[in-house]
Amino acid sequence: MEHAQEHGAHLEQTQRYYVERPIYNQEFLQGQLHRRERTPQTLRQKIAHSCRCSSKKAKSHLYSFLPILKWLPRYPVKEYLLGDIISGISTGVMQLPQGLAYALLAAVPPVFGLYSSFYPVFLYTFFGTSKHISIGTFAVISMMVGGVAVREVPDEIISVGYNSTNITDSLDYYSARDAKRVQVAVTLAFLSGIIQLCLGFLRFGFVAIYLTEPLVRGFTTAAAVHVFTSQLKYLLGIKTNRYSGPLSVVYSIAAVLSKITTTNIAALIVGLTCIVLLLIGKEINLRFKKKLPVPIPMEIIVVIIGTGVSAGMNLSESYRVDVVGNIPQGLRAPAVPEIQLIPAIFVDAMAIAIVGFSMAVSMAKIFALKHGYTIDGNQ
């Protein structure tokens, strides 16, 4: 027995593994990973290869241009339909008052906020690659558009670069001013869209990798400050000029403070009441998120209550509270933008195109990373 144990111990001491392999360094690994064998081609061969079309290539290009053709046939109706309907209704309900409010930021009549809430969402269904974001009115873009509209068509004069007429009635003055600002906003939106299309063809989507979360958060926080400042005069019911350009926030606050004694108490009460109701609704939705089948649409509830109170108490005439007014029915016919405005607003259109792309793609990337799919920044 002792002899067997000694023999086993001797075998354990004599058994060894010998491994022999080449030594790899970082340069060798990088060369192996990135080495691609390429056959030299002439210019004619490259052009012929790029112009060559097969059914597979045509199908790939069609799917990249219209992503709806790829995901719609595979759409899991039983799993997603009910949730998508609920989220669509919730988002649409929120877009209605948001579109009306953001139209004021863009210095155009409120109905144009509704137009901006319908067309982008409808088109993104066919061309978009994100499954979660809703394209529509956005505070930062609305403010940028409003800044250009006010700069080109100030409150003091009716038009810049147009044939001016003498208008004595204040309603005619405001309608003429708003019409000119709408022309500026439409031309600006058209030019921004053309620029974004050109950037898409040039594969400009690579800049999305530089949109870090701190950058996006800082940008949206600064935008919230600008939005609050621009809405302060509406909350207090004060009539002031609208400012654009550098230090516009400082000028806006100074103008409001200089006329603080003319505050409309009725408008202030209405505004504070709406803010309190919105905060209560947000707190209820957060606290009972797991128990509520759908979030409480407090935004549309506030709009309904405010409309009823305004009509019942005649706030516009009795207390001089500004109201949205008449909302025309239907959609307006398409019109050609003012081409002569392009040289004056080209730089602004470029900035709006880049900012709009950056914000939309950054939000889409956040949802894509969270839910495990990819988006195409060039689309």
Protein backbone atom coordinates (compact mmCIF):
# COMPACT_ATOMS: atom_id res chain seq x y z
CA MET A 1 0.00 0.00 0.00
CA GLU A 2 2.74 2.40 0.90
CA HIS A 3 4.63 1.43 -2.26
CA ALA A 4 1.57 2.26 -4.43
CA GLN A 5 1.21 5.70 -2.78
CA GLU A 6 4.87 6.47 -3.37
CA HIS A 7 4.55 5.42 -7.02
CA GLY A 8 1.50 7.71 -7.49
CA ALA A 9 3.31 10.66 -5.91
CA HIS A 10 6.30 10.01 -8.18
CA LEU A 11 4.04 10.07 -11.27
CA GLU A 12 2.48 13.41 -10.18
CA GLN A 13 5.92 14.93 -9.86
CA THR A 14 7.11 13.70 -13.28
CA GLN A 15 3.99 14.67 -15.37
CA ARG A 16 4.35 18.05 -17.08
CA TYR A 17 2.61 20.03 -19.85
CA TYR A 18 4.74 21.82 -22.41
CA VAL A 19 3.04 24.56 -24.53
CA GLU A 20 4.80 26.10 -27.47
CA ARG A 21 3.35 29.04 -29.43
CA PRO A 22 4.63 32.17 -31.15
CA ILE A 23 4.76 35.43 -29.21
CA TYR A 24 2.30 38.09 -30.41
CA ASN A 25 2.68 41.79 -29.80
CA GLN A 26 0.19 44.65 -30.24
CA GLU A 27 1.48 45.66 -33.66
CA PHE A 28 1.12 42.12 -35.01
CA LEU A 29 -2.47 41.83 -33.73
CA GLN A 30 -3.48 45.20 -35.17
CA GLY A 31 -2.01 44.24 -38.52
CA GLN A 32 -3.89 40.94 -38.56
CA LEU A 33 -7.21 42.49 -37.49
CA HIS A 34 -7.21 45.33 -39.98
CA ARG A 35 -5.53 43.54 -42.88
CA ARG A 36 -7.80 43.35 -45.89
CA GLU A 37 -6.80 41.83 -49.15
CA ARG A 38 -7.73 44.20 -51.95
CA THR A 39 -7.33 43.59 -55.61
CA PRO A 40 -6.38 46.69 -57.57
CA GLN A 41 -9.18 48.02 -59.77
CA THR A 42 -9.22 50.60 -62.48
CA LEU A 43 -11.54 53.59 -62.39
CA ARG A 44 -13.73 52.01 -65.02
CA GLN A 45 -14.09 48.85 -62.94
CA LYS A 46 -14.98 50.85 -59.84
CA ILE A 47 -17.65 52.80 -61.69
CA ALA A 48 -19.02 49.62 -63.23
CA HIS A 49 -19.12 47.92 -59.83
CA SER A 50 -20.94 50.85 -58.20
CA CYS A 51 -23.47 51.03 -61.04
CA ARG A 52 -24.07 47.30 -61.10
CA CYS A 53 -27.56 46.46 -59.85
CA SER A 54 -28.85 43.15 -58.62
CA SER A 55 -32.16 42.22 -57.07
CA LYS A 56 -30.53 41.90 -53.65
CA LYS A 57 -28.86 45.32 -53.94
CA ALA A 58 -32.04 46.98 -55.19
CA LYS A 59 -34.00 45.44 -52.34
CA SER A 60 -31.43 46.65 -49.80
CA HIS A 61 -31.55 50.21 -51.15
CA LEU A 62 -35.36 50.18 -51.14
CA TYR A 63 -35.45 48.99 -47.51
CA SER A 64 -32.93 51.64 -46.46
CA PHE A 65 -34.99 54.37 -48.18
CA LEU A 66 -38.35 53.13 -46.88
CA PRO A 67 -37.74 51.23 -43.61
CA ILE A 68 -41.49 50.69 -43.19
CA LEU A 69 -41.33 48.02 -45.92
CA LYS A 70 -38.96 46.02 -43.73
CA TRP A 71 -40.61 46.21 -40.31
CA LEU A 72 -44.31 46.39 -41.19
CA PRO A 73 -44.63 42.82 -42.59
CA ARG A 74 -42.89 41.52 -39.43
CA TYR A 75 -44.94 43.64 -37.04
CA PRO A 76 -46.15 41.48 -34.08
CA VAL A 77 -49.77 42.62 -33.91
CA LYS A 78 -50.75 40.71 -30.77
CA GLU A 79 -47.74 41.91 -28.77
CA TYR A 80 -47.41 45.54 -29.86
CA LEU A 81 -50.74 46.80 -31.27
CA LEU A 82 -52.53 47.65 -28.01
CA GLY A 83 -49.49 49.32 -26.45
CA ASP A 84 -48.76 51.27 -29.62
CA ILE A 85 -52.35 52.53 -29.82
CA ILE A 86 -52.23 53.71 -26.21
CA SER A 87 -48.85 55.38 -26.63
CA GLY A 88 -49.95 56.95 -29.91
CA ILE A 89 -53.07 58.44 -28.35
CA SER A 90 -51.07 59.69 -25.36
CA THR A 91 -48.44 61.28 -27.58
CA GLY A 92 -51.06 62.81 -29.89
CA VAL A 93 -53.00 64.25 -26.96
CA MET A 94 -49.83 65.86 -25.65
CA GLN A 95 -48.86 67.20 -29.07
CA LEU A 96 -52.06 69.27 -29.39
CA PRO A 97 -51.45 71.78 -26.57
CA GLN A 98 -47.69 71.55 -27.08
CA GLY A 99 -48.03 72.46 -30.76
CA LEU A 100 -50.24 75.45 -29.92
CA ALA A 101 -47.78 76.67 -27.29
CA TYR A 102 -44.63 76.16 -29.36
CA ALA A 103 -46.17 78.12 -32.24
CA LEU A 104 -45.89 81.17 -29.97
CA LEU A 105 -42.19 80.43 -29.56
CA ALA A 106 -41.88 80.34 -33.34
CA ALA A 107 -43.71 83.69 -33.66
CA VAL A 108 -46.43 82.25 -35.93
CA PRO A 109 -50.20 81.76 -35.38
CA PRO A 110 -51.06 78.76 -33.14
CA VAL A 111 -52.62 76.72 -35.95
CA PHE A 112 -49.21 76.27 -37.53
CA GLY A 113 -48.15 74.39 -34.40
CA LEU A 114 -50.87 71.86 -35.22
CA TYR A 115 -49.59 71.54 -38.78
CA SER A 116 -46.09 70.92 -37.41
CA SER A 117 -47.49 68.24 -35.10
CA PHE A 118 -49.12 66.30 -37.95
CA TYR A 119 -46.86 66.24 -41.00
CA PRO A 120 -43.51 65.24 -39.39
CA VAL A 121 -45.01 62.35 -37.41
CA PHE A 122 -46.81 61.07 -40.50
CA LEU A 123 -43.68 61.18 -42.69
CA TYR A 124 -41.41 59.68 -40.02
CA THR A 125 -43.61 56.58 -39.99
CA PHE A 126 -42.41 55.78 -43.51
CA PHE A 127 -38.84 57.08 -43.45
CA GLY A 128 -37.70 56.90 -39.81
CA THR A 129 -35.55 54.20 -38.21
CA SER A 130 -36.27 54.84 -34.52
CA LYS A 131 -39.07 52.89 -32.87
CA HIS A 132 -39.70 55.28 -29.99
CA ILE A 133 -39.20 58.97 -30.75
CA SER A 134 -42.03 61.22 -31.92
CA ILE A 135 -41.03 63.88 -34.44
CA GLY A 136 -42.93 67.15 -34.07
CA THR A 137 -42.67 70.56 -32.47
CA PHE A 138 -39.53 71.08 -30.40
CA ALA A 139 -38.84 73.99 -28.08
CA VAL A 140 -35.29 74.77 -29.21
CA ILE A 141 -36.12 74.66 -32.93
CA SER A 142 -39.27 76.73 -32.36
CA MET A 143 -37.24 79.38 -30.58
CA MET A 144 -34.61 79.44 -33.32
CA VAL A 145 -37.31 79.84 -35.97
CA GLY A 146 -39.00 82.55 -33.91
CA GLY A 147 -35.74 84.44 -33.51
CA VAL A 148 -35.24 84.56 -37.28
CA ALA A 149 -38.89 85.51 -37.92
CA VAL A 150 -38.73 88.38 -35.43
CA ARG A 151 -35.41 89.57 -36.84
CA GLU A 152 -36.69 89.64 -40.41
CA VAL A 153 -40.14 90.99 -39.50
CA PRO A 154 -39.84 93.07 -36.29
CA ASP A 155 -42.80 94.34 -34.32
CA GLU A 156 -42.01 97.96 -35.20
CA ILE A 157 -42.42 97.52 -38.95
CA ILE A 158 -44.67 95.30 -40.98
CA SER A 159 -42.19 93.96 -43.46
CA VAL A 160 -38.54 93.87 -44.35
CA GLY A 161 -37.81 93.59 -48.04
CA TYR A 162 -41.48 93.64 -49.07
CA ASN A 163 -43.79 96.30 -50.44
CA SER A 164 -45.16 98.07 -47.36
CA THR A 165 -48.68 99.50 -47.10
CA ASN A 166 -50.34 101.84 -44.63
CA ILE A 167 -52.47 99.88 -42.18
CA THR A 168 -54.34 101.72 -39.47
CA ASP A 169 -56.39 98.98 -37.91
CA SER A 170 -54.49 96.95 -35.29
CA LEU A 171 -56.05 93.65 -36.35
CA ASP A 172 -54.96 94.17 -39.92
CA TYR A 173 -51.50 95.11 -38.67
CA TYR A 174 -51.12 91.91 -36.64
CA SER A 175 -52.51 89.72 -39.42
CA ALA A 176 -50.11 91.29 -41.94
CA ARG A 177 -47.18 90.89 -39.55
CA ASP A 178 -48.06 87.25 -38.83
CA ALA A 179 -48.43 86.51 -42.55
CA LYS A 180 -44.93 87.84 -43.23
CA ARG A 181 -43.49 85.86 -40.31
CA VAL A 182 -45.18 82.71 -41.59
CA GLN A 183 -43.49 83.24 -44.95
CA VAL A 184 -40.13 83.54 -43.20
CA ALA A 185 -40.78 80.40 -41.10
CA VAL A 186 -41.93 78.38 -44.12
CA THR A 187 -38.89 79.38 -46.18
CA LEU A 188 -36.62 78.61 -43.24
CA ALA A 189 -38.17 75.17 -42.73
CA PHE A 190 -37.96 74.40 -46.47
CA LEU A 191 -34.30 75.43 -46.66
CA SER A 192 -33.43 73.47 -43.50
CA GLY A 193 -35.02 70.37 -45.00
CA ILE A 194 -33.04 70.75 -48.22
CA ILE A 195 -29.83 71.11 -46.19
CA GLN A 196 -30.63 67.99 -44.17
CA LEU A 197 -31.28 66.02 -47.35
CA CYS A 198 -27.92 67.11 -48.75
CA LEU A 199 -26.17 66.17 -45.50
CA GLY A 200 -27.87 62.77 -45.62
CA PHE A 201 -26.61 62.13 -49.16
CA LEU A 202 -23.13 63.15 -48.00
CA ARG A 203 -23.34 60.59 -45.14
CA PHE A 204 -23.11 63.28 -42.49
CA GLY A 205 -24.66 60.99 -39.88
CA PHE A 206 -21.27 60.03 -38.48
CA VAL A 207 -21.35 63.16 -36.27
CA ALA A 208 -23.92 61.37 -34.11
CA ILE A 209 -21.08 59.55 -32.33
CA TYR A 210 -19.92 62.89 -30.89
CA LEU A 211 -23.31 63.65 -29.30
CA THR A 212 -22.52 62.62 -25.75
CA GLU A 213 -25.13 62.53 -23.01
CA PRO A 214 -23.65 65.50 -21.04
CA LEU A 215 -23.75 67.59 -24.22
CA VAL A 216 -27.40 66.76 -24.86
CA ARG A 217 -28.39 67.33 -21.24
CA GLY A 218 -26.62 70.69 -21.12
CA PHE A 219 -28.24 71.75 -24.37
CA THR A 220 -31.77 70.84 -23.24
CA THR A 221 -31.28 72.50 -19.85
CA ALA A 222 -30.19 75.74 -21.52
CA ALA A 223 -33.18 75.47 -23.84
CA ALA A 224 -35.50 75.14 -20.84
CA VAL A 225 -34.13 78.41 -19.46
CA HIS A 226 -34.79 80.16 -22.76
CA VAL A 227 -38.30 78.73 -23.01
CA PHE A 228 -39.16 79.81 -19.46
CA THR A 229 -37.87 83.32 -20.12
CA SER A 230 -39.83 83.66 -23.36
CA GLN A 231 -43.06 82.50 -21.67
CA LEU A 232 -42.73 84.78 -18.64
CA LYS A 233 -44.50 87.71 -20.29
CA TYR A 234 -47.42 85.48 -21.30
CA LEU A 235 -47.73 84.17 -17.76
CA LEU A 236 -47.92 87.71 -16.36
CA GLY A 237 -50.04 89.08 -19.20
CA ILE A 238 -47.48 91.78 -20.06
CA LYS A 239 -47.05 93.26 -23.51
CA THR A 240 -43.35 93.54 -24.44
CA ASN A 241 -41.31 93.39 -27.60
CA ARG A 242 -39.70 90.13 -28.61
CA TYR A 243 -35.91 90.01 -28.70
CA SER A 244 -33.54 87.81 -30.66
CA GLY A 245 -29.79 87.43 -30.92
CA PRO A 246 -27.12 87.60 -28.20
CA LEU A 247 -28.30 88.52 -24.67
CA SER A 248 -31.93 88.16 -25.74
CA VAL A 249 -32.68 86.44 -22.41
CA VAL A 250 -31.33 89.42 -20.46
CA TYR A 251 -33.28 91.89 -22.59
CA SER A 252 -36.48 89.87 -22.22
CA ILE A 253 -36.20 89.72 -18.42
CA ALA A 254 -35.40 93.45 -18.26
CA ALA A 255 -38.43 94.27 -20.40
CA VAL A 256 -40.71 92.15 -18.20
CA LEU A 257 -39.36 93.72 -14.99
CA SER A 258 -39.79 97.24 -16.39
CA LYS A 259 -43.52 96.57 -16.92
CA ILE A 260 -44.13 94.35 -13.90
CA THR A 261 -46.66 96.85 -12.53
CA THR A 262 -48.95 96.21 -15.53
CA THR A 263 -49.34 92.52 -14.65
CA ASN A 264 -52.75 91.11 -15.54
CA ILE A 265 -53.87 89.40 -12.31
CA ALA A 266 -56.47 87.28 -14.11
CA ALA A 267 -53.88 85.96 -16.60
CA LEU A 268 -51.47 85.25 -13.73
CA ILE A 269 -54.12 83.27 -11.82
CA VAL A 270 -55.05 81.26 -14.91
CA GLY A 271 -51.38 80.51 -15.67
CA LEU A 272 -50.50 79.48 -12.12
CA THR A 273 -53.61 77.29 -11.88
CA CYS A 274 -52.64 75.46 -15.08
CA ILE A 275 -49.08 74.97 -13.83
CA VAL A 276 -50.31 73.53 -10.52
CA LEU A 277 -52.68 71.14 -12.33
CA LEU A 278 -49.89 69.96 -14.63
CA LEU A 279 -47.56 69.34 -11.69
CA ILE A 280 -50.27 67.41 -9.84
CA GLY A 281 -50.93 65.26 -12.91
CA LYS A 282 -47.22 64.58 -13.37
CA GLU A 283 -46.85 63.55 -9.71
CA ILE A 284 -49.86 61.22 -9.91
CA ASN A 285 -48.54 59.57 -13.07
CA LEU A 286 -45.13 59.02 -11.49
CA ARG A 287 -46.45 57.71 -8.17
CA PHE A 288 -49.09 55.37 -9.61
CA LYS A 289 -47.28 54.44 -12.82
CA LYS A 290 -47.59 50.70 -12.18
CA LYS A 291 -51.27 50.84 -11.27
CA LEU A 292 -52.51 53.15 -14.06
CA PRO A 293 -53.21 51.37 -17.38
CA VAL A 294 -52.44 54.62 -19.24
CA PRO A 295 -50.99 57.93 -17.96
CA ILE A 296 -53.51 60.61 -17.11
CA PRO A 297 -53.50 63.08 -20.04
CA MET A 298 -53.40 66.13 -17.81
CA GLU A 299 -52.27 68.38 -20.68
CA ILE A 300 -55.45 67.90 -22.69
CA ILE A 301 -57.55 68.02 -19.50
CA VAL A 302 -56.06 71.43 -18.69
CA VAL A 303 -56.81 72.60 -22.25
CA ILE A 304 -60.44 71.44 -21.99
CA ILE A 305 -60.93 73.04 -18.55
CA GLY A 306 -59.22 76.26 -19.66
CA THR A 307 -61.34 76.46 -22.81
CA GLY A 308 -64.54 75.97 -20.82
CA VAL A 309 -63.60 78.54 -18.18
CA SER A 310 -62.51 81.03 -20.84
CA ALA A 311 -65.76 80.68 -22.75
CA GLY A 312 -67.96 80.68 -19.62
CA MET A 313 -66.34 83.70 -17.94
CA ASN A 314 -65.52 85.52 -21.20
CA LEU A 315 -61.92 86.02 -20.06
CA SER A 316 -60.86 87.70 -23.29
CA GLU A 317 -63.26 90.66 -23.09
CA SER A 318 -63.99 90.87 -19.37
CA TYR A 319 -60.46 90.40 -18.01
CA ARG A 320 -58.28 91.09 -21.11
CA VAL A 321 -56.74 87.61 -21.02
CA ASP A 322 -55.14 86.62 -24.33
CA VAL A 323 -56.69 83.55 -25.93
CA VAL A 324 -55.70 81.48 -28.95
CA GLY A 325 -58.76 82.60 -30.88
CA ASN A 326 -60.18 81.01 -33.99
CA ILE A 327 -58.50 77.85 -35.28
CA PRO A 328 -59.24 77.37 -39.00
CA GLN A 329 -60.48 73.97 -40.10
CA GLY A 330 -58.69 71.66 -42.48
CA LEU A 331 -55.21 71.90 -43.95
CA ARG A 332 -53.86 74.78 -45.97
CA ALA A 333 -52.94 74.33 -49.61
CA PRO A 334 -49.21 74.07 -50.35
CA ALA A 335 -47.48 77.28 -51.40
CA VAL A 336 -44.08 78.07 -52.86
CA PRO A 337 -41.66 79.53 -50.26
CA GLU A 338 -40.25 83.03 -50.65
CA ILE A 339 -37.06 82.29 -52.58
CA GLN A 340 -35.73 85.84 -52.19
CA LEU A 341 -35.42 85.30 -48.43
CA ILE A 342 -32.87 82.48 -48.80
CA PRO A 343 -29.68 84.63 -48.78
CA ALA A 344 -30.74 86.37 -45.55
CA ILE A 345 -31.61 83.17 -43.65
CA PHE A 346 -29.20 80.60 -45.11
CA VAL A 347 -26.85 80.60 -42.10
CA ASP A 348 -29.81 80.27 -39.71
CA ALA A 349 -31.19 77.39 -41.78
CA MET A 350 -27.85 75.61 -41.58
CA ALA A 351 -27.79 75.98 -37.78
CA ILE A 352 -31.41 74.78 -37.45
CA ALA A 353 -30.73 71.77 -39.70
CA ILE A 354 -27.73 70.68 -37.62
CA VAL A 355 -29.41 71.29 -34.26
CA GLY A 356 -32.61 69.52 -35.33
CA PHE A 357 -30.65 66.53 -36.57
CA SER A 358 -28.50 66.43 -33.44
CA MET A 359 -31.40 66.48 -31.00
CA ALA A 360 -33.48 63.91 -32.89
CA VAL A 361 -30.59 61.48 -33.41
CA SER A 362 -29.34 61.84 -29.83
CA MET A 363 -32.76 60.95 -28.42
CA ALA A 364 -33.11 58.10 -30.91
CA LYS A 365 -29.70 56.74 -29.88
CA ILE A 366 -30.70 56.74 -26.21
CA PHE A 367 -33.79 54.63 -26.90
CA ALA A 368 -31.96 52.39 -29.37
CA LEU A 369 -29.24 51.54 -26.85
CA LYS A 370 -31.83 50.91 -24.15
CA HIS A 371 -33.94 48.54 -26.24
CA GLY A 372 -31.21 46.88 -28.30
CA TYR A 373 -31.58 48.00 -31.90
CA THR A 374 -29.75 50.34 -34.25
CA ILE A 375 -30.70 53.54 -36.05
CA ASP A 376 -29.39 55.07 -39.24
CA GLY A 377 -28.13 58.59 -38.66
CA ASN A 378 -28.04 59.25 -42.40
CA GLN A 379 -31.70 58.41 -42.81
